Amino acid sequence: MGPDAIPTLIMALANEKRQVRWAAAGALGQIGPAATATIPGIWIPAIPAGVTG
């Protein structure tokens, strides 16, 4: 998986399933600096309303 997957993985951070969000975050971390540079701007808005876990 490479930088081309970043948009899809960012969208997955908003998934209602905790496991999907966790896997997407892990994959973004594996991609490295190209992905981690995008995380601060999308992290808070990506968390769905009412999600606690």
PDB file of N, CA and C in Angstrom:
ATOM      1  N   MET A   1       0.851  -1.164   0.000  1.00  0.00           N
ATOM      2  CA  MET A   1       0.000   0.000   0.000  1.00  0.00           C
ATOM      3  C   MET A   1       0.898   1.229   0.000  1.00  0.00           C
ATOM      4  N   GLY A   2       0.541   2.209  -0.794  1.00  0.00           N
ATOM      5  CA  GLY A   2       1.365   3.397  -0.897  1.00  0.00           C
ATOM      6  C   GLY A   2       0.543   4.675  -0.816  1.00  0.00           C
ATOM      7  N   PRO A   3       1.159   5.789  -1.144  1.00  0.00           N
ATOM      8  CA  PRO A   3       0.505   7.090  -1.049  1.00  0.00           C
ATOM      9  C   PRO A   3      -0.801   7.195  -1.843  1.00  0.00           C
ATOM     10  N   ASP A   4      -0.966   6.399  -2.873  1.00  0.00           N
ATOM     11  CA  ASP A   4      -2.219   6.434  -3.638  1.00  0.00           C
ATOM     12  C   ASP A   4      -3.413   6.008  -2.794  1.00  0.00           C
ATOM     13  N   ALA A   5      -3.167   5.268  -1.734  1.00  0.00           N
ATOM     14  CA  ALA A   5      -4.248   4.786  -0.876  1.00  0.00           C
ATOM     15  C   ALA A   5      -4.667   5.807   0.179  1.00  0.00           C
ATOM     16  N   ILE A   6      -3.918   6.892   0.326  1.00  0.00           N
ATOM     17  CA  ILE A   6      -4.189   7.856   1.405  1.00  0.00           C
ATOM     18  C   ILE A   6      -5.623   8.378   1.379  1.00  0.00           C
ATOM     19  N   PRO A   7      -6.175   8.836   0.257  1.00  0.00           N
ATOM     20  CA  PRO A   7      -7.558   9.340   0.290  1.00  0.00           C
ATOM     21  C   PRO A   7      -8.576   8.303   0.775  1.00  0.00           C
ATOM     22  N   THR A   8      -8.421   7.062   0.342  1.00  0.00           N
ATOM     23  CA  THR A   8      -9.336   6.004   0.762  1.00  0.00           C
ATOM     24  C   THR A   8      -9.181   5.715   2.250  1.00  0.00           C
ATOM     25  N   LEU A   9      -7.952   5.692   2.710  1.00  0.00           N
ATOM     26  CA  LEU A   9      -7.707   5.431   4.135  1.00  0.00           C
ATOM     27  C   LEU A   9      -8.236   6.564   4.999  1.00  0.00           C
ATOM     28  N   ILE A  10      -8.117   7.798   4.541  1.00  0.00           N
ATOM     29  CA  ILE A  10      -8.659   8.931   5.293  1.00  0.00           C
ATOM     30  C   ILE A  10     -10.172   8.806   5.400  1.00  0.00           C
ATOM     31  N   MET A  11     -10.816   8.410   4.325  1.00  0.00           N
ATOM     32  CA  MET A  11     -12.269   8.208   4.375  1.00  0.00           C
ATOM     33  C   MET A  11     -12.620   7.095   5.352  1.00  0.00           C
ATOM     34  N   ALA A  12     -11.789   6.059   5.426  1.00  0.00           N
ATOM     35  CA  ALA A  12     -12.044   4.942   6.333  1.00  0.00           C
ATOM     36  C   ALA A  12     -11.947   5.366   7.801  1.00  0.00           C
ATOM     37  N   LEU A  13     -11.246   6.459   8.088  1.00  0.00           N
ATOM     38  CA  LEU A  13     -11.163   6.949   9.467  1.00  0.00           C
ATOM     39  C   LEU A  13     -12.531   7.387   9.998  1.00  0.00           C
ATOM     40  N   ALA A  14     -13.474   7.646   9.102  1.00  0.00           N
ATOM     41  CA  ALA A  14     -14.815   8.052   9.501  1.00  0.00           C
ATOM     42  C   ALA A  14     -15.794   6.882   9.544  1.00  0.00           C
ATOM     43  N   ASN A  15     -15.325   5.672   9.325  1.00  0.00           N
ATOM     44  CA  ASN A  15     -16.188   4.499   9.334  1.00  0.00           C
ATOM     45  C   ASN A  15     -16.783   4.291  10.719  1.00  0.00           C
ATOM     46  N   GLU A  16     -18.006   3.801  10.765  1.00  0.00           N
ATOM     47  CA  GLU A  16     -18.660   3.581  12.057  1.00  0.00           C
ATOM     48  C   GLU A  16     -18.042   2.436  12.849  1.00  0.00           C
ATOM     49  N   LYS A  17     -17.327   1.551  12.176  1.00  0.00           N
ATOM     50  CA  LYS A  17     -16.722   0.408  12.866  1.00  0.00           C
ATOM     51  C   LYS A  17     -15.326   0.754  13.370  1.00  0.00           C
ATOM     52  N   ARG A  18     -15.138   0.566  14.664  1.00  0.00           N
ATOM     53  CA  ARG A  18     -13.863   0.879  15.295  1.00  0.00           C
ATOM     54  C   ARG A  18     -12.709   0.121  14.640  1.00  0.00           C
ATOM     55  N   GLN A  19     -12.919  -1.139  14.288  1.00  0.00           N
ATOM     56  CA  GLN A  19     -11.850  -1.945  13.693  1.00  0.00           C
ATOM     57  C   GLN A  19     -11.392  -1.370  12.351  1.00  0.00           C
ATOM     58  N   VAL A  20     -12.342  -0.856  11.582  1.00  0.00           N
ATOM     59  CA  VAL A  20     -11.993  -0.270  10.286  1.00  0.00           C
ATOM     60  C   VAL A  20     -11.179   1.004  10.498  1.00  0.00           C
ATOM     61  N   ARG A  21     -11.621   1.845  11.445  1.00  0.00           N
ATOM     62  CA  ARG A  21     -10.869   3.072  11.747  1.00  0.00           C
ATOM     63  C   ARG A  21      -9.462   2.742  12.219  1.00  0.00           C
ATOM     64  N   TRP A  22      -9.341   1.740  13.089  1.00  0.00           N
ATOM     65  CA  TRP A  22      -8.046   1.331  13.630  1.00  0.00           C
ATOM     66  C   TRP A  22      -7.118   0.838  12.512  1.00  0.00           C
ATOM     67  N   ALA A  23      -7.660   0.014  11.626  1.00  0.00           N
ATOM     68  CA  ALA A  23      -6.858  -0.517  10.519  1.00  0.00           C
ATOM     69  C   ALA A  23      -6.423   0.600   9.573  1.00  0.00           C
ATOM     70  N   ALA A  24      -7.310   1.537   9.312  1.00  0.00           N
ATOM     71  CA  ALA A  24      -6.966   2.655   8.431  1.00  0.00           C
ATOM     72  C   ALA A  24      -5.864   3.510   9.049  1.00  0.00           C
ATOM     73  N   ALA A  25      -5.973   3.782  10.333  1.00  0.00           N
ATOM     74  CA  ALA A  25      -4.943   4.569  11.012  1.00  0.00           C
ATOM     75  C   ALA A  25      -3.600   3.838  10.977  1.00  0.00           C
ATOM     76  N   GLY A  26      -3.625   2.533  11.202  1.00  0.00           N
ATOM     77  CA  GLY A  26      -2.400   1.744  11.145  1.00  0.00           C
ATOM     78  C   GLY A  26      -1.775   1.753   9.759  1.00  0.00           C
ATOM     79  N   ALA A  27      -2.619   1.639   8.741  1.00  0.00           N
ATOM     80  CA  ALA A  27      -2.115   1.650   7.370  1.00  0.00           C
ATOM     81  C   ALA A  27      -1.511   3.011   7.027  1.00  0.00           C
ATOM     82  N   LEU A  28      -2.152   4.086   7.479  1.00  0.00           N
ATOM     83  CA  LEU A  28      -1.589   5.417   7.253  1.00  0.00           C
ATOM     84  C   LEU A  28      -0.222   5.533   7.920  1.00  0.00           C
ATOM     85  N   GLY A  29      -0.091   4.979   9.107  1.00  0.00           N
ATOM     86  CA  GLY A  29       1.196   4.992   9.794  1.00  0.00           C
ATOM     87  C   GLY A  29       2.256   4.211   9.048  1.00  0.00           C
ATOM     88  N   GLN A  30       1.864   3.112   8.418  1.00  0.00           N
ATOM     89  CA  GLN A  30       2.817   2.296   7.656  1.00  0.00           C
ATOM     90  C   GLN A  30       3.285   3.017   6.389  1.00  0.00           C
ATOM     91  N   ILE A  31       2.420   3.849   5.828  1.00  0.00           N
ATOM     92  CA  ILE A  31       2.806   4.591   4.624  1.00  0.00           C
ATOM     93  C   ILE A  31       3.922   5.575   4.964  1.00  0.00           C
ATOM     94  N   GLY A  32       3.869   6.139   6.154  1.00  0.00           N
ATOM     95  CA  GLY A  32       4.953   7.009   6.601  1.00  0.00           C
ATOM     96  C   GLY A  32       4.655   8.485   6.504  1.00  0.00           C
ATOM     97  N   PRO A  33       5.710   9.291   6.352  1.00  0.00           N
ATOM     98  CA  PRO A  33       5.566  10.747   6.395  1.00  0.00           C
ATOM     99  C   PRO A  33       4.559  11.310   5.397  1.00  0.00           C
ATOM    100  N   ALA A  34       4.425  10.721   4.239  1.00  0.00           N
ATOM    101  CA  ALA A  34       3.452  11.219   3.260  1.00  0.00           C
ATOM    102  C   ALA A  34       2.041  11.176   3.824  1.00  0.00           C
ATOM    103  N   ALA A  35       1.752  10.179   4.643  1.00  0.00           N
ATOM    104  CA  ALA A  35       0.416  10.041   5.226  1.00  0.00           C
ATOM    105  C   ALA A  35       0.310  10.783   6.545  1.00  0.00           C
ATOM    106  N   THR A  36       1.319  10.701   7.376  1.00  0.00           N
ATOM    107  CA  THR A  36       1.219  11.317   8.700  1.00  0.00           C
ATOM    108  C   THR A  36       1.118  12.829   8.609  1.00  0.00           C
ATOM    109  N   ALA A  37       1.605  13.425   7.546  1.00  0.00           N
ATOM    110  CA  ALA A  37       1.480  14.870   7.372  1.00  0.00           C
ATOM    111  C   ALA A  37       0.032  15.284   7.158  1.00  0.00           C
ATOM    112  N   THR A  38      -0.826  14.358   6.691  1.00  0.00           N
ATOM    113  CA  THR A  38      -2.230  14.688   6.435  1.00  0.00           C
ATOM    114  C   THR A  38      -3.108  14.488   7.661  1.00  0.00           C
ATOM    115  N   ILE A  39      -2.648  13.766   8.639  1.00  0.00           N
ATOM    116  CA  ILE A  39      -3.496  13.385   9.766  1.00  0.00           C
ATOM    117  C   ILE A  39      -3.949  14.549  10.644  1.00  0.00           C
ATOM    118  N   PRO A  40      -3.110  15.501  11.039  1.00  0.00           N
ATOM    119  CA  PRO A  40      -3.599  16.558  11.931  1.00  0.00           C
ATOM    120  C   PRO A  40      -4.805  17.318  11.398  1.00  0.00           C
ATOM    121  N   GLY A  41      -4.878  17.540  10.108  1.00  0.00           N
ATOM    122  CA  GLY A  41      -5.989  18.286   9.541  1.00  0.00           C
ATOM    123  C   GLY A  41      -7.271  17.508   9.396  1.00  0.00           C
ATOM    124  N   ILE A  42      -7.217  16.194   9.405  1.00  0.00           N
ATOM    125  CA  ILE A  42      -8.428  15.405   9.161  1.00  0.00           C
ATOM    126  C   ILE A  42      -8.878  14.609  10.371  1.00  0.00           C
ATOM    127  N   TRP A  43      -8.065  14.494  11.375  1.00  0.00           N
ATOM    128  CA  TRP A  43      -8.382  13.592  12.478  1.00  0.00           C
ATOM    129  C   TRP A  43      -9.674  13.956  13.199  1.00  0.00           C
ATOM    130  N   ILE A  44      -9.800  15.159  13.713  1.00  0.00           N
ATOM    131  CA  ILE A  44     -10.987  15.546  14.482  1.00  0.00           C
ATOM    132  C   ILE A  44     -12.248  15.506  13.620  1.00  0.00           C
ATOM    133  N   PRO A  45     -12.263  16.107  12.417  1.00  0.00           N
ATOM    134  CA  PRO A  45     -13.495  16.060  11.614  1.00  0.00           C
ATOM    135  C   PRO A  45     -13.892  14.651  11.186  1.00  0.00           C
ATOM    136  N   ALA A  46     -12.959  13.715  11.163  1.00  0.00           N
ATOM    137  CA  ALA A  46     -13.260  12.377  10.674  1.00  0.00           C
ATOM    138  C   ALA A  46     -13.989  11.513  11.690  1.00  0.00           C
ATOM    139  N   ILE A  47     -13.993  11.908  12.959  1.00  0.00           N
ATOM    140  CA  ILE A  47     -14.642  11.097  13.975  1.00  0.00           C
ATOM    141  C   ILE A  47     -16.149  11.332  13.903  1.00  0.00           C
ATOM    142  N   PRO A  48     -16.923  10.298  13.604  1.00  0.00           N
ATOM    143  CA  PRO A  48     -18.381  10.467  13.474  1.00  0.00           C
ATOM    144  C   PRO A  48     -19.015  10.877  14.802  1.00  0.00           C
ATOM    145  N   ALA A  49     -20.049  11.651  14.712  1.00  0.00           N
ATOM    146  CA  ALA A  49     -20.791  12.071  15.893  1.00  0.00           C
ATOM    147  C   ALA A  49     -21.313  10.863  16.651  1.00  0.00           C
ATOM    148  N   GLY A  50     -21.155  10.872  17.950  1.00  0.00           N
ATOM    149  CA  GLY A  50     -21.658   9.799  18.779  1.00  0.00           C
ATOM    150  C   GLY A  50     -20.725   8.607  18.911  1.00  0.00           C
ATOM    151  N   VAL A  51     -19.608   8.602  18.211  1.00  0.00           N
ATOM    152  CA  VAL A  51     -18.668   7.479  18.305  1.00  0.00           C
ATOM    153  C   VAL A  51     -17.814   7.660  19.554  1.00  0.00           C
ATOM    154  N   THR A  52     -17.771   6.638  20.372  1.00  0.00           N
ATOM    155  CA  THR A  52     -17.016   6.735  21.609  1.00  0.00           C
ATOM    156  C   THR A  52     -15.871   5.759  21.692  1.00  0.00           C
ATOM    157  N   GLY A  53     -15.815   4.753  20.837  1.00  0.00           N
ATOM    158  CA  GLY A  53     -14.793   3.721  20.979  1.00  0.00           C
ATOM    159  C   GLY A  53     -13.961   3.502  19.871  1.00  0.00           C
TER     160      GLY A  53
END
